[in-house]
């Protein structure tokens, strides 16, 4: 008999059930994390996404998408990027990430 009912305990138990289920999915789980510019800078624009990292739990392989890497791939001078260059580099990075997403649609994405 349950003597104490706590919303937080119930949430934790549900999270544990979900994580246990993810462990039994046979590797079809991708863990994603992203970083962006500060939310507190008042530039009048949405914060720029600076990197996205995806960990494939099946093989522990990490795939990284970053402004710096995209700048190198698009042959930009990484020491002196204008706002226009950064827009182009960010678009390239997000396009590459979207290709990755399309190739992994049958995975569970965990953030």
N, C-alpha and C. Protein backbone atom coordinates (compact mmCIF):
# COMPACT_ATOMS: atom_id res chain seq x y z
N UNK A 1 0.83 -1.17 0.00
CA UNK A 1 0.00 0.00 0.00
C UNK A 1 0.88 1.24 0.00
N UNK A 2 0.55 2.18 -0.84
CA UNK A 2 1.31 3.41 -0.97
C UNK A 2 0.79 4.41 0.07
N UNK A 3 1.68 4.83 0.97
CA UNK A 3 1.28 5.73 2.03
C UNK A 3 1.46 7.20 1.65
N UNK A 4 2.39 7.45 0.73
CA UNK A 4 2.72 8.82 0.40
C UNK A 4 2.62 9.00 -1.10
N UNK A 5 1.86 9.97 -1.54
CA UNK A 5 1.70 10.23 -2.96
C UNK A 5 2.35 11.56 -3.30
N UNK A 6 3.36 11.52 -4.13
CA UNK A 6 4.10 12.73 -4.51
C UNK A 6 4.14 12.84 -6.02
N UNK A 7 3.80 14.00 -6.52
CA UNK A 7 3.85 14.25 -7.97
C UNK A 7 5.27 14.06 -8.49
N UNK A 8 6.26 14.55 -7.74
CA UNK A 8 7.66 14.43 -8.17
C UNK A 8 8.13 12.98 -8.18
N UNK A 9 7.71 12.21 -7.20
CA UNK A 9 8.08 10.79 -7.18
C UNK A 9 7.43 10.08 -8.36
N UNK A 10 6.17 10.39 -8.63
CA UNK A 10 5.48 9.79 -9.78
C UNK A 10 6.19 10.16 -11.08
N UNK A 11 6.60 11.42 -11.22
CA UNK A 11 7.33 11.86 -12.43
C UNK A 11 8.64 11.10 -12.56
N UNK A 12 9.36 10.95 -11.46
CA UNK A 12 10.64 10.23 -11.48
C UNK A 12 10.44 8.78 -11.88
N UNK A 13 9.42 8.14 -11.34
CA UNK A 13 9.15 6.75 -11.68
C UNK A 13 8.80 6.60 -13.15
N UNK A 14 8.02 7.53 -13.68
CA UNK A 14 7.66 7.50 -15.10
C UNK A 14 8.92 7.71 -15.96
N UNK A 15 9.79 8.63 -15.56
CA UNK A 15 11.04 8.85 -16.29
C UNK A 15 11.91 7.60 -16.27
N UNK A 16 11.95 6.91 -15.14
CA UNK A 16 12.71 5.67 -15.05
C UNK A 16 12.14 4.61 -15.99
N UNK A 17 10.82 4.52 -16.08
CA UNK A 17 10.19 3.55 -16.99
C UNK A 17 10.55 3.89 -18.45
N UNK A 18 10.52 5.17 -18.78
CA UNK A 18 10.85 5.60 -20.15
C UNK A 18 12.31 5.28 -20.46
N UNK A 19 13.21 5.59 -19.54
CA UNK A 19 14.63 5.32 -19.77
C UNK A 19 14.89 3.82 -19.89
N UNK A 20 14.21 3.01 -19.10
CA UNK A 20 14.36 1.56 -19.20
C UNK A 20 13.89 1.07 -20.57
N UNK A 21 12.78 1.63 -21.03
CA UNK A 21 12.28 1.28 -22.35
C UNK A 21 13.29 1.65 -23.44
N UNK A 22 13.93 2.82 -23.29
CA UNK A 22 14.93 3.25 -24.27
C UNK A 22 16.13 2.32 -24.29
N UNK A 23 16.47 1.75 -23.15
CA UNK A 23 17.59 0.80 -23.10
C UNK A 23 17.28 -0.48 -23.85
N UNK A 24 16.02 -0.77 -24.08
CA UNK A 24 15.61 -2.01 -24.75
C UNK A 24 15.26 -1.81 -26.22
N UNK A 25 15.61 -0.68 -26.80
CA UNK A 25 15.22 -0.36 -28.17
C UNK A 25 16.25 -0.85 -29.19
N UNK A 26 17.29 -1.53 -28.74
CA UNK A 26 18.32 -2.07 -29.62
C UNK A 26 19.09 -1.00 -30.39
N UNK A 27 19.46 0.04 -29.70
CA UNK A 27 20.36 1.02 -30.30
C UNK A 27 19.75 2.07 -31.17
N UNK A 28 18.46 2.07 -31.32
CA UNK A 28 17.82 3.06 -32.18
C UNK A 28 17.52 4.35 -31.43
N UNK A 29 18.50 4.82 -30.63
CA UNK A 29 18.31 6.02 -29.83
C UNK A 29 19.44 7.00 -30.14
N UNK A 30 19.07 8.24 -30.40
CA UNK A 30 20.04 9.31 -30.61
C UNK A 30 19.81 10.36 -29.53
N UNK A 31 20.89 10.74 -28.89
CA UNK A 31 20.83 11.79 -27.87
C UNK A 31 21.35 13.06 -28.52
N UNK A 32 20.56 14.13 -28.45
CA UNK A 32 20.92 15.37 -29.13
C UNK A 32 21.09 16.50 -28.12
N UNK A 33 22.08 17.34 -28.40
CA UNK A 33 22.32 18.53 -27.59
C UNK A 33 22.73 19.65 -28.55
N UNK A 34 22.31 20.85 -28.25
CA UNK A 34 22.72 21.97 -29.10
C UNK A 34 23.17 23.13 -28.24
N UNK A 35 23.92 24.02 -28.85
CA UNK A 35 24.30 25.26 -28.16
C UNK A 35 24.01 26.43 -29.09
N UNK A 36 23.80 27.57 -28.47
CA UNK A 36 23.49 28.76 -29.25
C UNK A 36 24.09 29.98 -28.57
N UNK A 37 23.99 31.10 -29.26
CA UNK A 37 24.43 32.35 -28.68
C UNK A 37 23.57 32.65 -27.46
N UNK A 38 24.02 33.59 -26.69
CA UNK A 38 23.31 33.97 -25.47
C UNK A 38 21.90 34.45 -25.76
N UNK A 39 20.98 34.03 -24.92
CA UNK A 39 19.60 34.51 -25.03
C UNK A 39 19.47 35.93 -24.50
N UNK A 40 20.48 36.38 -23.79
CA UNK A 40 20.40 37.67 -23.10
C UNK A 40 20.98 38.83 -23.91
N UNK A 41 21.72 38.52 -24.96
CA UNK A 41 22.23 39.60 -25.81
C UNK A 41 21.08 40.19 -26.60
N UNK A 42 20.99 41.48 -26.60
CA UNK A 42 19.88 42.16 -27.29
C UNK A 42 20.35 42.59 -28.67
N UNK A 43 20.27 41.67 -29.64
CA UNK A 43 20.72 41.97 -31.00
C UNK A 43 19.54 42.23 -31.93
N UNK A 44 18.34 41.96 -31.47
CA UNK A 44 17.17 42.10 -32.33
C UNK A 44 16.93 40.89 -33.21
N UNK A 45 17.79 39.87 -33.07
CA UNK A 45 17.65 38.63 -33.86
C UNK A 45 17.57 37.45 -32.90
N UNK A 46 17.06 36.36 -33.42
CA UNK A 46 17.05 35.12 -32.64
C UNK A 46 18.49 34.67 -32.44
N UNK A 47 18.80 34.06 -31.29
CA UNK A 47 20.17 33.58 -31.07
C UNK A 47 20.58 32.57 -32.15
N UNK A 48 21.78 32.71 -32.63
CA UNK A 48 22.31 31.82 -33.67
C UNK A 48 22.66 30.46 -33.06
N UNK A 49 22.28 29.38 -33.73
CA UNK A 49 22.70 28.04 -33.32
C UNK A 49 24.19 27.93 -33.65
N UNK A 50 25.00 27.55 -32.67
CA UNK A 50 26.44 27.47 -32.90
C UNK A 50 26.95 26.05 -33.08
N UNK A 51 26.25 25.08 -32.49
CA UNK A 51 26.64 23.68 -32.70
C UNK A 51 25.51 22.75 -32.30
N UNK A 52 25.56 21.57 -32.89
CA UNK A 52 24.61 20.50 -32.58
C UNK A 52 25.44 19.22 -32.47
N UNK A 53 25.23 18.48 -31.40
CA UNK A 53 25.93 17.21 -31.22
C UNK A 53 24.89 16.10 -31.09
N UNK A 54 25.15 14.99 -31.77
CA UNK A 54 24.24 13.84 -31.72
C UNK A 54 25.07 12.61 -31.35
N UNK A 55 24.64 11.92 -30.30
CA UNK A 55 25.29 10.68 -29.87
C UNK A 55 24.41 9.51 -30.24
N UNK A 56 24.94 8.60 -31.04
CA UNK A 56 24.24 7.37 -31.41
C UNK A 56 24.53 6.35 -30.32
N UNK A 57 23.49 5.97 -29.56
CA UNK A 57 23.68 5.05 -28.44
C UNK A 57 24.04 3.63 -28.89
N UNK A 58 23.76 3.30 -30.13
CA UNK A 58 24.07 1.95 -30.63
C UNK A 58 25.58 1.72 -30.70
N UNK A 59 26.31 2.72 -31.18
CA UNK A 59 27.75 2.54 -31.37
C UNK A 59 28.58 3.60 -30.64
N UNK A 60 27.93 4.44 -29.84
CA UNK A 60 28.59 5.53 -29.11
C UNK A 60 29.34 6.49 -30.03
N UNK A 61 28.89 6.59 -31.26
CA UNK A 61 29.50 7.51 -32.21
C UNK A 61 28.83 8.88 -32.09
N UNK A 62 29.66 9.91 -32.02
CA UNK A 62 29.14 11.28 -31.97
C UNK A 62 29.28 11.93 -33.34
N UNK A 63 28.25 12.64 -33.74
CA UNK A 63 28.28 13.42 -34.96
C UNK A 63 28.09 14.88 -34.56
N UNK A 64 29.01 15.73 -35.02
CA UNK A 64 29.01 17.13 -34.62
C UNK A 64 28.74 18.01 -35.83
N UNK A 65 27.86 18.97 -35.64
CA UNK A 65 27.58 20.01 -36.63
C UNK A 65 27.91 21.33 -35.94
N UNK A 66 28.81 22.12 -36.51
CA UNK A 66 29.19 23.36 -35.84
C UNK A 66 29.45 24.46 -36.85
N UNK A 67 29.33 25.69 -36.38
CA UNK A 67 29.63 26.83 -37.24
C UNK A 67 31.07 26.77 -37.72
N UNK A 68 31.97 26.46 -36.81
CA UNK A 68 33.39 26.42 -37.16
C UNK A 68 33.67 25.38 -38.24
N UNK A 69 33.13 24.18 -38.08
CA UNK A 69 33.32 23.12 -39.08
C UNK A 69 32.69 23.53 -40.41
N UNK A 70 31.50 24.09 -40.38
CA UNK A 70 30.84 24.52 -41.61
C UNK A 70 31.61 25.65 -42.28
N UNK A 71 32.21 26.53 -41.49
CA UNK A 71 33.03 27.59 -42.06
C UNK A 71 34.22 26.99 -42.80
N UNK A 72 34.84 25.98 -42.21
CA UNK A 72 35.95 25.32 -42.88
C UNK A 72 35.50 24.63 -44.17
N UNK A 73 34.37 23.94 -44.10
CA UNK A 73 33.86 23.20 -45.27
C UNK A 73 33.45 24.13 -46.41
N UNK A 74 33.00 25.34 -46.07
CA UNK A 74 32.60 26.31 -47.08
C UNK A 74 33.74 27.27 -47.42
N UNK A 75 34.93 26.96 -46.91
CA UNK A 75 36.17 27.69 -47.21
C UNK A 75 36.10 29.17 -46.82
N UNK A 76 35.52 29.42 -45.65
CA UNK A 76 35.47 30.78 -45.10
C UNK A 76 36.66 31.00 -44.17
N UNK A 77 37.10 32.24 -44.08
CA UNK A 77 38.17 32.60 -43.16
C UNK A 77 37.58 32.59 -41.75
N UNK A 78 37.91 31.59 -40.98
CA UNK A 78 37.30 31.42 -39.65
C UNK A 78 37.74 32.48 -38.66
N UNK A 79 38.79 33.22 -38.97
CA UNK A 79 39.25 34.26 -38.04
C UNK A 79 38.53 35.59 -38.24
N UNK A 80 37.76 35.69 -39.34
CA UNK A 80 37.12 36.97 -39.63
C UNK A 80 35.81 36.73 -40.40
N UNK A 81 34.77 36.30 -39.69
CA UNK A 81 33.48 36.02 -40.32
C UNK A 81 32.53 37.20 -40.15
N UNK A 82 32.02 37.70 -41.25
CA UNK A 82 31.01 38.77 -41.19
C UNK A 82 29.66 38.17 -40.82
N UNK A 83 28.69 39.03 -40.52
CA UNK A 83 27.34 38.54 -40.25
C UNK A 83 26.78 37.78 -41.44
N UNK A 84 27.06 38.26 -42.65
CA UNK A 84 26.60 37.57 -43.86
C UNK A 84 27.24 36.19 -43.97
N UNK A 85 28.56 36.13 -43.69
CA UNK A 85 29.25 34.83 -43.70
C UNK A 85 28.65 33.90 -42.64
N UNK A 86 28.39 34.43 -41.46
CA UNK A 86 27.81 33.60 -40.39
C UNK A 86 26.43 33.09 -40.77
N UNK A 87 25.63 33.92 -41.45
CA UNK A 87 24.33 33.46 -41.92
C UNK A 87 24.49 32.28 -42.88
N UNK A 88 25.43 32.42 -43.81
CA UNK A 88 25.67 31.35 -44.80
C UNK A 88 26.20 30.09 -44.13
N UNK A 89 27.11 30.26 -43.20
CA UNK A 89 27.71 29.12 -42.49
C UNK A 89 26.66 28.41 -41.63
N UNK A 90 25.83 29.20 -40.93
CA UNK A 90 24.78 28.60 -40.11
C UNK A 90 23.79 27.82 -40.98
N UNK A 91 23.43 28.38 -42.12
CA UNK A 91 22.51 27.68 -43.04
C UNK A 91 23.13 26.37 -43.50
N UNK A 92 24.41 26.40 -43.86
CA UNK A 92 25.11 25.18 -44.28
C UNK A 92 25.06 24.13 -43.17
N UNK A 93 25.37 24.56 -41.94
CA UNK A 93 25.36 23.65 -40.80
C UNK A 93 23.98 23.03 -40.61
N UNK A 94 22.94 23.86 -40.64
CA UNK A 94 21.58 23.36 -40.44
C UNK A 94 21.12 22.47 -41.59
N UNK A 95 21.54 22.79 -42.81
CA UNK A 95 21.23 21.92 -43.96
C UNK A 95 21.87 20.54 -43.78
N UNK A 96 23.12 20.51 -43.33
CA UNK A 96 23.80 19.23 -43.10
C UNK A 96 23.12 18.46 -41.97
N UNK A 97 22.73 19.16 -40.93
CA UNK A 97 22.01 18.51 -39.83
C UNK A 97 20.69 17.93 -40.33
N UNK A 98 19.97 18.67 -41.16
CA UNK A 98 18.68 18.19 -41.67
C UNK A 98 18.87 16.93 -42.51
N UNK A 99 19.95 16.85 -43.28
CA UNK A 99 20.24 15.62 -44.03
C UNK A 99 20.42 14.44 -43.06
N UNK A 100 21.12 14.69 -41.97
CA UNK A 100 21.32 13.66 -40.96
C UNK A 100 19.98 13.22 -40.36
N UNK A 101 19.15 14.20 -40.04
CA UNK A 101 17.82 13.89 -39.48
C UNK A 101 17.03 13.02 -40.45
N UNK A 102 17.02 13.38 -41.71
CA UNK A 102 16.26 12.62 -42.70
C UNK A 102 16.73 11.18 -42.80
N UNK A 103 18.03 10.94 -42.57
CA UNK A 103 18.57 9.58 -42.62
C UNK A 103 18.37 8.81 -41.31
N UNK A 104 17.82 9.47 -40.31
CA UNK A 104 17.63 8.83 -39.00
C UNK A 104 16.21 9.04 -38.47
N UNK A 105 15.25 9.08 -39.36
CA UNK A 105 13.86 9.32 -38.97
C UNK A 105 13.27 8.16 -38.16
N UNK A 106 13.84 6.96 -38.31
CA UNK A 106 13.28 5.81 -37.60
C UNK A 106 13.93 5.60 -36.23
N UNK A 107 14.69 6.58 -35.78
CA UNK A 107 15.31 6.53 -34.46
C UNK A 107 14.45 7.28 -33.45
N UNK A 108 14.69 7.00 -32.19
CA UNK A 108 14.11 7.81 -31.11
C UNK A 108 15.12 8.89 -30.80
N UNK A 109 14.66 10.13 -30.81
CA UNK A 109 15.51 11.28 -30.51
C UNK A 109 15.28 11.70 -29.06
N UNK A 110 16.35 11.80 -28.30
CA UNK A 110 16.27 12.14 -26.89
C UNK A 110 17.04 13.41 -26.65
N UNK A 111 16.35 14.41 -26.08
CA UNK A 111 16.99 15.69 -25.78
C UNK A 111 16.91 15.95 -24.29
